[in-house]
């Protein structure tokens, strides 16, 4: 059984955050775009996990992905994207994650945000597909 309402609630936040990441990228805020792309993946993975009542605390996308892949098998194909996005949690925000005088906003590029957004979109739409599949079957809905 899945709590479709809870899963959809998390997916709505993921969709909103994806649009924000795209906006940041358009305005050359690439570090923030990368961080928000991580958030999109996190919200998406937590949508499926919380929907089925599996613990989903923390920000480690690899751990969340491992759990979610057991529920939404199509996620298994996205390991590379999850690995990329997992690196976008602390370094895009904190100068002390960088050596020397480097700061996050000078360290991320259009390419970084583009790849992050692409991966975040794949995670979101893969999870969304699983939730739609589950929630269209009234016997599975909670």
Protein backbone atom coordinates (compact mmCIF):
# COMPACT_ATOMS: atom_id res chain seq x y z
CA UNK A 1 0.00 0.00 0.00
CA UNK A 2 1.16 3.49 -0.77
CA UNK A 3 0.07 6.78 0.72
CA UNK A 4 -0.48 8.50 -2.62
CA UNK A 5 -1.27 11.84 -1.03
CA UNK A 6 2.05 11.89 0.84
CA UNK A 7 4.02 10.80 -2.22
CA UNK A 8 2.36 13.45 -4.38
CA UNK A 9 3.02 16.12 -1.74
CA UNK A 10 6.78 15.42 -1.92
CA UNK A 11 6.67 15.31 -5.72
CA UNK A 12 4.99 18.72 -5.85
CA UNK A 13 7.88 20.14 -3.83
CA UNK A 14 10.36 18.41 -6.15
CA UNK A 15 8.69 19.91 -9.23
CA UNK A 16 8.70 23.39 -7.69
CA UNK A 17 12.37 23.06 -6.75
CA UNK A 18 13.28 21.85 -10.25
CA UNK A 19 11.77 25.01 -11.72
CA UNK A 20 13.75 27.07 -9.22
CA UNK A 21 16.98 25.24 -10.17
CA UNK A 22 16.30 25.98 -13.84
CA UNK A 23 15.69 29.64 -13.05
CA UNK A 24 18.94 29.86 -11.09
CA UNK A 25 20.83 28.30 -14.01
CA UNK A 26 19.32 30.80 -16.46
CA UNK A 27 20.56 33.62 -14.22
CA UNK A 28 24.07 32.16 -13.78
CA UNK A 29 23.53 31.04 -10.19
CA UNK A 30 25.06 27.67 -11.03
CA UNK A 31 26.12 26.66 -7.52
CA UNK A 32 22.57 27.17 -6.24
CA UNK A 33 21.17 25.37 -9.25
CA UNK A 34 23.38 22.36 -8.48
CA UNK A 35 22.33 22.33 -4.83
CA UNK A 36 18.67 22.61 -5.74
CA UNK A 37 19.08 19.75 -8.20
CA UNK A 38 20.26 17.63 -5.27
CA UNK A 39 17.14 18.72 -3.41
CA UNK A 40 14.93 17.68 -6.33
CA UNK A 41 16.40 14.19 -6.21
CA UNK A 42 16.11 14.06 -2.42
CA UNK A 43 12.45 15.11 -2.43
CA UNK A 44 11.72 12.65 -5.24
CA UNK A 45 13.34 9.70 -3.49
CA UNK A 46 11.65 10.63 -0.23
CA UNK A 47 8.31 10.79 -2.06
CA UNK A 48 8.43 7.09 -2.86
CA UNK A 49 9.98 6.11 0.47
CA UNK A 50 7.59 8.09 2.64
CA UNK A 51 4.73 7.02 0.44
CA UNK A 52 5.36 3.39 1.37
CA UNK A 53 6.30 4.14 4.98
CA UNK A 54 10.05 3.51 4.74
CA UNK A 55 12.39 5.62 6.89
CA UNK A 56 13.89 8.36 4.76
CA UNK A 57 15.84 10.75 6.95
CA UNK A 58 19.07 12.39 5.92
CA UNK A 59 20.51 13.79 2.73
CA UNK A 60 22.69 10.96 1.41
CA UNK A 61 21.19 10.31 -2.00
CA UNK A 62 23.04 7.02 -2.43
CA UNK A 63 21.43 5.62 0.70
CA UNK A 64 17.99 6.94 -0.22
CA UNK A 65 18.43 5.61 -3.78
CA UNK A 66 19.34 2.12 -2.56
CA UNK A 67 16.15 1.95 -0.52
CA UNK A 68 13.97 3.54 -3.21
CA UNK A 69 15.37 1.29 -5.96
CA UNK A 70 13.90 -1.71 -4.15
CA UNK A 71 10.47 -0.10 -4.50
CA UNK A 72 10.79 1.66 -7.85
CA UNK A 73 12.98 -0.63 -9.94
CA UNK A 74 13.47 1.87 -12.79
CA UNK A 75 15.60 3.97 -10.44
CA UNK A 76 18.37 1.36 -10.65
CA UNK A 77 19.31 2.78 -14.07
CA UNK A 78 20.04 6.19 -12.53
CA UNK A 79 23.02 5.31 -10.34
CA UNK A 80 25.34 7.68 -12.25
CA UNK A 81 22.90 10.55 -11.81
CA UNK A 82 22.48 9.83 -8.12
CA UNK A 83 26.27 9.73 -7.68
CA UNK A 84 26.62 13.10 -9.44
CA UNK A 85 23.83 14.75 -7.48
CA UNK A 86 25.06 13.35 -4.17
CA UNK A 87 28.12 15.62 -4.56
CA UNK A 88 25.89 18.69 -4.83
CA UNK A 89 24.79 18.95 -1.21
CA UNK A 90 27.57 20.69 0.74
CA UNK A 91 30.17 22.01 -1.76
CA UNK A 92 27.77 24.31 -3.66
CA UNK A 93 26.97 26.15 -0.44
CA UNK A 94 30.00 26.26 1.84
CA UNK A 95 33.35 27.95 1.13
CA UNK A 96 35.10 25.69 3.64
CA UNK A 97 34.30 22.72 1.38
CA UNK A 98 36.86 24.16 -1.05
CA UNK A 99 40.63 24.51 -0.82
CA UNK A 100 42.40 27.84 -0.63
CA UNK A 101 40.48 30.93 -1.63
CA UNK A 102 37.87 29.14 -3.74
CA UNK A 103 34.20 29.84 -3.12
CA UNK A 104 31.23 27.89 -4.41
CA UNK A 105 29.70 30.52 -6.67
CA UNK A 106 32.96 30.81 -8.62
CA UNK A 107 33.46 27.05 -8.80
CA UNK A 108 30.29 25.92 -10.62
CA UNK A 109 29.61 26.34 -14.31
CA UNK A 110 26.74 26.25 -16.76
CA UNK A 111 27.78 22.71 -17.64
CA UNK A 112 27.58 21.67 -13.96
CA UNK A 113 24.10 23.06 -13.52
CA UNK A 114 22.94 21.64 -16.86
CA UNK A 115 24.09 18.13 -15.97
CA UNK A 116 22.62 18.43 -12.49
CA UNK A 117 19.25 19.60 -13.77
CA UNK A 118 19.18 16.82 -16.36
CA UNK A 119 19.86 14.19 -13.69
CA UNK A 120 17.41 15.71 -11.23
CA UNK A 121 14.73 15.67 -13.94
CA UNK A 122 15.39 11.99 -14.66
CA UNK A 123 15.08 11.09 -10.99
CA UNK A 124 11.90 13.13 -10.57
CA UNK A 125 10.17 11.72 -13.64
CA UNK A 126 11.20 8.15 -12.87
CA UNK A 127 9.77 8.39 -9.36
CA UNK A 128 6.70 10.17 -10.66
CA UNK A 129 6.14 7.30 -13.08
CA UNK A 130 6.29 4.77 -10.25
CA UNK A 131 3.91 6.80 -8.09
CA UNK A 132 1.44 7.20 -10.96
CA UNK A 133 1.59 3.47 -11.66
CA UNK A 134 0.97 2.62 -8.01
CA UNK A 135 -1.68 5.24 -7.40
CA UNK A 136 -3.75 4.37 -10.48
CA UNK A 137 -4.38 0.94 -8.97
CA UNK A 138 -7.00 1.51 -6.24
CA UNK A 139 -6.02 -1.73 -4.47
CA UNK A 140 -2.54 -0.33 -3.81
CA UNK A 141 -3.53 3.16 -2.66
CA UNK A 142 -3.54 3.90 1.05
